[in-house]
Amino acid sequence: MEVTDKHNERIAKMTFASVYPHYLTKIQTKGRTVEELHQVIEWLTGFDNKKLQKLIDEKVTFETFFERAKLNPNAQLITGVICGYRIEEIENPLTKQARYLDKLIDELAKGKKMDKILRQ
């Protein structure tokens, strides 16, 4: 699938707080924990639990969320297809970062081992 400007804009303006409950539901229904979810988010963004909660409370957009993030240097090792998009072909940096997060959460929900998810 091709990523359009409209798609990129929609991701940029979406609030992290609106998507976070869906992440929780996805991983918990597969037997994973909030702690594991937060570990994955912290690995990618550098946000600890306190900072993550602050961002949720502020209702920041994904644009702001990733502007404030300190992306893990190994994030480029996240490849594959998520939501119909091949991550390594996405040109928009923000959309790519959002898909990195989606891919990590998908791997967590699928039962992948944490060291594999965190590219260690």
C-alpha atoms as a PDB file:
ATOM      1  CA  MET A   1       0.000   0.000   0.000  1.00  0.00           C
ATOM      2  CA  GLU A   2       1.123   3.519  -0.703  1.00  0.00           C
ATOM      3  CA  VAL A   3       1.332   6.006   2.165  1.00  0.00           C
ATOM      4  CA  THR A   4      -0.443   9.243   1.192  1.00  0.00           C
ATOM      5  CA  ASP A   5      -0.063  12.774   2.572  1.00  0.00           C
ATOM      6  CA  LYS A   6      -3.590  12.484   3.966  1.00  0.00           C
ATOM      7  CA  HIS A   7      -2.624   9.279   5.785  1.00  0.00           C
ATOM      8  CA  ASN A   8       0.519  10.929   7.194  1.00  0.00           C
ATOM      9  CA  GLU A   9      -1.523  13.928   8.389  1.00  0.00           C
ATOM     10  CA  ARG A  10      -4.077  11.674  10.090  1.00  0.00           C
ATOM     11  CA  ILE A  11      -1.347   9.861  12.023  1.00  0.00           C
ATOM     12  CA  ALA A  12       0.335  13.138  13.007  1.00  0.00           C
ATOM     13  CA  LYS A  13      -2.879  14.585  14.462  1.00  0.00           C
ATOM     14  CA  MET A  14      -4.076  11.417  16.240  1.00  0.00           C
ATOM     15  CA  THR A  15      -3.566  11.557  19.995  1.00  0.00           C
ATOM     16  CA  PHE A  16      -1.469   8.906  21.668  1.00  0.00           C
ATOM     17  CA  ALA A  17      -4.036   8.776  24.508  1.00  0.00           C
ATOM     18  CA  SER A  18      -6.761   7.726  22.045  1.00  0.00           C
ATOM     19  CA  VAL A  19      -4.710   4.780  20.754  1.00  0.00           C
ATOM     20  CA  TYR A  20      -3.080   3.633  24.004  1.00  0.00           C
ATOM     21  CA  PRO A  21      -6.228   1.805  25.298  1.00  0.00           C
ATOM     22  CA  HIS A  22      -6.276  -0.201  22.041  1.00  0.00           C
ATOM     23  CA  TYR A  23      -2.636  -1.184  22.586  1.00  0.00           C
ATOM     24  CA  LEU A  24      -3.534  -2.331  26.108  1.00  0.00           C
ATOM     25  CA  THR A  25      -6.515  -4.360  24.954  1.00  0.00           C
ATOM     26  CA  LYS A  26      -4.529  -5.976  22.146  1.00  0.00           C
ATOM     27  CA  ILE A  27      -1.701  -7.187  24.359  1.00  0.00           C
ATOM     28  CA  GLN A  28      -3.791  -8.104  27.409  1.00  0.00           C
ATOM     29  CA  THR A  29      -6.177 -10.303  25.413  1.00  0.00           C
ATOM     30  CA  LYS A  30      -3.082 -12.233  24.310  1.00  0.00           C
ATOM     31  CA  GLY A  31      -1.833 -12.682  27.872  1.00  0.00           C
ATOM     32  CA  ARG A  32       0.842  -9.996  27.877  1.00  0.00           C
ATOM     33  CA  THR A  33       1.196  -7.398  30.643  1.00  0.00           C
ATOM     34  CA  VAL A  34       1.094  -3.619  30.953  1.00  0.00           C
ATOM     35  CA  GLU A  35       4.687  -3.802  32.197  1.00  0.00           C
ATOM     36  CA  GLU A  36       5.743  -5.543  28.986  1.00  0.00           C
ATOM     37  CA  LEU A  37       3.899  -2.940  26.903  1.00  0.00           C
ATOM     38  CA  HIS A  38       5.643  -0.141  28.780  1.00  0.00           C
ATOM     39  CA  GLN A  39       9.000  -1.890  28.379  1.00  0.00           C
ATOM     40  CA  VAL A  40       8.493  -1.984  24.601  1.00  0.00           C
ATOM     41  CA  ILE A  41       7.414   1.676  24.480  1.00  0.00           C
ATOM     42  CA  GLU A  42      10.363   2.728  26.649  1.00  0.00           C
ATOM     43  CA  TRP A  43      12.811   0.792  24.459  1.00  0.00           C
ATOM     44  CA  LEU A  44      11.572   2.588  21.341  1.00  0.00           C
ATOM     45  CA  THR A  45      10.996   6.091  22.745  1.00  0.00           C
ATOM     46  CA  GLY A  46      12.950   6.415  25.991  1.00  0.00           C
ATOM     47  CA  PHE A  47       9.737   7.283  27.891  1.00  0.00           C
ATOM     48  CA  ASP A  48       9.545   5.736  31.353  1.00  0.00           C
ATOM     49  CA  ASN A  49       6.183   5.063  33.051  1.00  0.00           C
ATOM     50  CA  LYS A  50       6.000   8.532  34.610  1.00  0.00           C
ATOM     51  CA  LYS A  51       6.766  10.364  31.346  1.00  0.00           C
ATOM     52  CA  LEU A  52       4.406   8.100  29.407  1.00  0.00           C
ATOM     53  CA  GLN A  53       1.548   8.856  31.810  1.00  0.00           C
ATOM     54  CA  LYS A  54       2.279  12.587  31.522  1.00  0.00           C
ATOM     55  CA  LEU A  55       2.039  12.385  27.720  1.00  0.00           C
ATOM     56  CA  ILE A  56      -1.246  10.483  27.986  1.00  0.00           C
ATOM     57  CA  ASP A  57      -2.615  13.064  30.435  1.00  0.00           C
ATOM     58  CA  GLU A  58      -1.529  15.906  28.125  1.00  0.00           C
ATOM     59  CA  LYS A  59      -3.295  14.166  25.214  1.00  0.00           C
ATOM     60  CA  VAL A  60      -0.328  14.789  22.929  1.00  0.00           C
ATOM     61  CA  THR A  61      -0.550  14.002  19.225  1.00  0.00           C
ATOM     62  CA  PHE A  62       1.677  11.347  17.691  1.00  0.00           C
ATOM     63  CA  GLU A  63       3.599  14.232  16.140  1.00  0.00           C
ATOM     64  CA  THR A  64       4.414  15.653  19.593  1.00  0.00           C
ATOM     65  CA  PHE A  65       4.891  12.175  21.068  1.00  0.00           C
ATOM     66  CA  PHE A  66       7.650  11.328  18.598  1.00  0.00           C
ATOM     67  CA  GLU A  67       9.148  14.851  18.628  1.00  0.00           C
ATOM     68  CA  ARG A  68       9.767  14.357  22.367  1.00  0.00           C
ATOM     69  CA  ALA A  69      10.957  10.761  21.978  1.00  0.00           C
ATOM     70  CA  LYS A  70      14.583   9.729  21.920  1.00  0.00           C
ATOM     71  CA  LEU A  71      14.249   6.980  19.329  1.00  0.00           C
ATOM     72  CA  ASN A  72      16.292   3.855  19.990  1.00  0.00           C
ATOM     73  CA  PRO A  73      19.247   3.637  17.570  1.00  0.00           C
ATOM     74  CA  ASN A  74      18.207   0.060  16.737  1.00  0.00           C
ATOM     75  CA  ALA A  75      14.711   1.142  15.653  1.00  0.00           C
ATOM     76  CA  GLN A  76      15.735   0.822  11.991  1.00  0.00           C
ATOM     77  CA  LEU A  77      16.019  -2.933  12.609  1.00  0.00           C
ATOM     78  CA  ILE A  78      12.200  -3.026  12.852  1.00  0.00           C
ATOM     79  CA  THR A  79      11.071  -4.268   9.458  1.00  0.00           C
ATOM     80  CA  GLY A  80       8.179  -6.096   7.888  1.00  0.00           C
ATOM     81  CA  VAL A  81       4.538  -5.373   7.154  1.00  0.00           C
ATOM     82  CA  ILE A  82       2.138  -3.738   9.594  1.00  0.00           C
ATOM     83  CA  CYS A  83      -1.354  -2.445   8.799  1.00  0.00           C
ATOM     84  CA  GLY A  84      -0.715  -3.274   5.138  1.00  0.00           C
ATOM     85  CA  TYR A  85       2.437  -1.130   4.904  1.00  0.00           C
ATOM     86  CA  ARG A  86       6.016  -2.355   4.514  1.00  0.00           C
ATOM     87  CA  ILE A  87       7.852  -0.352   7.191  1.00  0.00           C
ATOM     88  CA  GLU A  88      11.141  -0.060   5.340  1.00  0.00           C
ATOM     89  CA  GLU A  89       9.362   1.563   2.361  1.00  0.00           C
ATOM     90  CA  ILE A  90       7.644   4.316   4.386  1.00  0.00           C
ATOM     91  CA  GLU A  91       9.312   7.648   3.598  1.00  0.00           C
ATOM     92  CA  ASN A  92       7.570   9.956   6.087  1.00  0.00           C
ATOM     93  CA  PRO A  93       9.637   9.797   9.322  1.00  0.00           C
ATOM     94  CA  LEU A  94       6.662  10.268  11.667  1.00  0.00           C
ATOM     95  CA  THR A  95       4.552   7.635   9.950  1.00  0.00           C
ATOM     96  CA  LYS A  96       7.524   5.256  10.000  1.00  0.00           C
ATOM     97  CA  GLN A  97       8.001   5.831  13.746  1.00  0.00           C
ATOM     98  CA  ALA A  98       4.303   5.228  14.430  1.00  0.00           C
ATOM     99  CA  ARG A  99       4.501   1.990  12.430  1.00  0.00           C
ATOM    100  CA  TYR A 100       7.610   0.960  14.401  1.00  0.00           C
ATOM    101  CA  LEU A 101       5.496   1.210  17.543  1.00  0.00           C
ATOM    102  CA  ASP A 102       2.598  -0.670  15.932  1.00  0.00           C
ATOM    103  CA  LYS A 103       4.959  -3.448  14.815  1.00  0.00           C
ATOM    104  CA  LEU A 104       6.518  -3.843  18.275  1.00  0.00           C
ATOM    105  CA  ILE A 105       3.097  -4.053  19.907  1.00  0.00           C
ATOM    106  CA  ASP A 106       1.949  -6.545  17.280  1.00  0.00           C
ATOM    107  CA  GLU A 107       4.992  -8.716  17.978  1.00  0.00           C
ATOM    108  CA  LEU A 108       4.301  -8.499  21.715  1.00  0.00           C
ATOM    109  CA  ALA A 109       0.692  -9.581  21.174  1.00  0.00           C
ATOM    110  CA  LYS A 110       1.825 -12.471  18.974  1.00  0.00           C
ATOM    111  CA  GLY A 111       3.898 -13.863  21.823  1.00  0.00           C
ATOM    112  CA  LYS A 112       7.340 -13.078  20.494  1.00  0.00           C
ATOM    113  CA  LYS A 113      10.126 -13.210  23.099  1.00  0.00           C
ATOM    114  CA  MET A 114      11.068  -9.832  24.563  1.00  0.00           C
ATOM    115  CA  ASP A 115      14.735 -10.020  23.510  1.00  0.00           C
ATOM    116  CA  LYS A 116      13.614 -10.518  19.891  1.00  0.00           C
ATOM    117  CA  ILE A 117      11.095  -7.663  20.079  1.00  0.00           C
ATOM    118  CA  LEU A 118      13.747  -5.338  21.516  1.00  0.00           C
ATOM    119  CA  ARG A 119      16.236  -6.335  18.806  1.00  0.00           C
ATOM    120  CA  GLN A 120      18.895  -7.495  21.297  1.00  0.00           C
END
